[in-house]
């Protein structure tokens, strides 16, 4: 089942601030979630009210929401692993 992958404004802004060499890998991984929203190595985030998941791309993490009813993957946050879980 194919999902549509969308980036929130915040996530799109975060991608633009990343290291230029890492951007293609991160975009490719995020887009691949459309074919497999729960790839090997993905984990459901504990303690979140929403159905949030995370997947690793090197030292970066992609946090995303799976909306099963409408077949959408919403990428909500992309950041370095040392910063990803901090509240802002």
C-alpha atoms as a PDB file:
ATOM      1  CA  UNK A   1       0.000   0.000   0.000  1.00  0.00           C
ATOM      2  CA  UNK A   2       1.537   3.314  -1.104  1.00  0.00           C
ATOM      3  CA  UNK A   3       1.539   6.266   1.287  1.00  0.00           C
ATOM      4  CA  UNK A   4       1.954   9.936   0.400  1.00  0.00           C
ATOM      5  CA  UNK A   5       4.936  11.515   2.186  1.00  0.00           C
ATOM      6  CA  UNK A   6       4.536  15.144   3.227  1.00  0.00           C
ATOM      7  CA  UNK A   7       6.861  17.408   5.194  1.00  0.00           C
ATOM      8  CA  UNK A   8       5.577  19.919   7.732  1.00  0.00           C
ATOM      9  CA  UNK A   9       6.872  23.481   7.279  1.00  0.00           C
ATOM     10  CA  UNK A  10       9.075  22.978  10.325  1.00  0.00           C
ATOM     11  CA  UNK A  11      10.609  19.763   8.934  1.00  0.00           C
ATOM     12  CA  UNK A  12      11.235  21.352   5.523  1.00  0.00           C
ATOM     13  CA  UNK A  13      12.998  24.259   7.239  1.00  0.00           C
ATOM     14  CA  UNK A  14      15.114  21.832   9.301  1.00  0.00           C
ATOM     15  CA  UNK A  15      16.210  19.976   6.146  1.00  0.00           C
ATOM     16  CA  UNK A  16      17.484  23.210   4.608  1.00  0.00           C
ATOM     17  CA  UNK A  17      19.699  23.815   7.658  1.00  0.00           C
ATOM     18  CA  UNK A  18      21.421  20.410   7.461  1.00  0.00           C
ATOM     19  CA  UNK A  19      24.839  19.626   6.069  1.00  0.00           C
ATOM     20  CA  UNK A  20      24.587  19.672   2.239  1.00  0.00           C
ATOM     21  CA  UNK A  21      26.137  16.198   1.950  1.00  0.00           C
ATOM     22  CA  UNK A  22      23.518  14.645   4.260  1.00  0.00           C
ATOM     23  CA  UNK A  23      20.420  16.158   2.653  1.00  0.00           C
ATOM     24  CA  UNK A  24      20.090  13.684  -0.277  1.00  0.00           C
ATOM     25  CA  UNK A  25      20.326  10.637   2.048  1.00  0.00           C
ATOM     26  CA  UNK A  26      17.762  12.068   4.436  1.00  0.00           C
ATOM     27  CA  UNK A  27      15.300  13.042   1.674  1.00  0.00           C
ATOM     28  CA  UNK A  28      15.695   9.610   0.052  1.00  0.00           C
ATOM     29  CA  UNK A  29      15.011   7.832   3.355  1.00  0.00           C
ATOM     30  CA  UNK A  30      11.990  10.033   4.084  1.00  0.00           C
ATOM     31  CA  UNK A  31      10.554   9.401   0.599  1.00  0.00           C
ATOM     32  CA  UNK A  32      11.108   5.634   0.981  1.00  0.00           C
ATOM     33  CA  UNK A  33       8.712   5.686   3.943  1.00  0.00           C
ATOM     34  CA  UNK A  34       5.926   5.960   1.362  1.00  0.00           C
ATOM     35  CA  UNK A  35       6.561   2.363   0.332  1.00  0.00           C
ATOM     36  CA  UNK A  36       7.297   1.009   3.798  1.00  0.00           C
ATOM     37  CA  UNK A  37       6.180   3.233   6.705  1.00  0.00           C
ATOM     38  CA  UNK A  38       7.745   0.888   9.267  1.00  0.00           C
ATOM     39  CA  UNK A  39      11.101  -0.146   7.785  1.00  0.00           C
ATOM     40  CA  UNK A  40      13.569  -2.307   9.647  1.00  0.00           C
ATOM     41  CA  UNK A  41      15.151  -0.223  12.390  1.00  0.00           C
ATOM     42  CA  UNK A  42      12.187   2.119  12.833  1.00  0.00           C
ATOM     43  CA  UNK A  43      10.818   2.540  16.335  1.00  0.00           C
ATOM     44  CA  UNK A  44       7.562   3.807  17.760  1.00  0.00           C
ATOM     45  CA  UNK A  45       8.167   6.677  20.163  1.00  0.00           C
ATOM     46  CA  UNK A  46       7.048   5.968  23.707  1.00  0.00           C
ATOM     47  CA  UNK A  47       5.204   8.605  25.688  1.00  0.00           C
ATOM     48  CA  UNK A  48       3.845  10.557  22.756  1.00  0.00           C
ATOM     49  CA  UNK A  49       0.129  11.184  22.378  1.00  0.00           C
ATOM     50  CA  UNK A  50       0.360  10.766  18.609  1.00  0.00           C
ATOM     51  CA  UNK A  51       1.388   7.712  16.588  1.00  0.00           C
ATOM     52  CA  UNK A  52       4.965   8.995  16.174  1.00  0.00           C
ATOM     53  CA  UNK A  53       7.795   6.888  14.782  1.00  0.00           C
ATOM     54  CA  UNK A  54      11.482   7.520  14.234  1.00  0.00           C
ATOM     55  CA  UNK A  55      13.997   6.200  11.766  1.00  0.00           C
ATOM     56  CA  UNK A  56      17.768   6.681  11.757  1.00  0.00           C
ATOM     57  CA  UNK A  57      19.829   8.113   8.918  1.00  0.00           C
ATOM     58  CA  UNK A  58      23.426   8.122  10.144  1.00  0.00           C
ATOM     59  CA  UNK A  59      23.612  10.613  13.026  1.00  0.00           C
ATOM     60  CA  UNK A  60      20.241  12.118  12.110  1.00  0.00           C
ATOM     61  CA  UNK A  61      16.717  11.099  13.075  1.00  0.00           C
ATOM     62  CA  UNK A  62      13.499  11.516  11.133  1.00  0.00           C
ATOM     63  CA  UNK A  63      10.387  11.762  13.312  1.00  0.00           C
ATOM     64  CA  UNK A  64       7.152  11.058  11.480  1.00  0.00           C
ATOM     65  CA  UNK A  65       3.464  10.424  11.980  1.00  0.00           C
ATOM     66  CA  UNK A  66       1.623   7.586  10.224  1.00  0.00           C
ATOM     67  CA  UNK A  67      -1.965   8.451   9.319  1.00  0.00           C
ATOM     68  CA  UNK A  68      -3.336   5.036   8.336  1.00  0.00           C
ATOM     69  CA  UNK A  69      -6.865   6.158   7.432  1.00  0.00           C
ATOM     70  CA  UNK A  70      -5.724   8.570   4.717  1.00  0.00           C
ATOM     71  CA  UNK A  71      -2.436   6.823   3.802  1.00  0.00           C
ATOM     72  CA  UNK A  72      -0.180   9.756   4.684  1.00  0.00           C
ATOM     73  CA  UNK A  73       3.281   9.854   6.260  1.00  0.00           C
ATOM     74  CA  UNK A  74       3.797  13.284   7.829  1.00  0.00           C
ATOM     75  CA  UNK A  75       7.457  14.071   8.524  1.00  0.00           C
ATOM     76  CA  UNK A  76       7.337  16.348  11.560  1.00  0.00           C
ATOM     77  CA  UNK A  77      10.973  16.758  12.626  1.00  0.00           C
ATOM     78  CA  UNK A  78      14.477  16.101  11.301  1.00  0.00           C
ATOM     79  CA  UNK A  79      17.533  16.774  13.452  1.00  0.00           C
ATOM     80  CA  UNK A  80      20.846  15.466  14.734  1.00  0.00           C
ATOM     81  CA  UNK A  81      20.504  12.696  17.290  1.00  0.00           C
ATOM     82  CA  UNK A  82      21.834  14.884  20.112  1.00  0.00           C
ATOM     83  CA  UNK A  83      19.087  17.476  19.504  1.00  0.00           C
ATOM     84  CA  UNK A  84      16.099  15.504  18.245  1.00  0.00           C
ATOM     85  CA  UNK A  85      14.333  14.698  21.516  1.00  0.00           C
ATOM     86  CA  UNK A  86      14.763  18.091  23.175  1.00  0.00           C
ATOM     87  CA  UNK A  87      11.689  20.278  23.549  1.00  0.00           C
ATOM     88  CA  UNK A  88      11.980  23.726  22.014  1.00  0.00           C
END
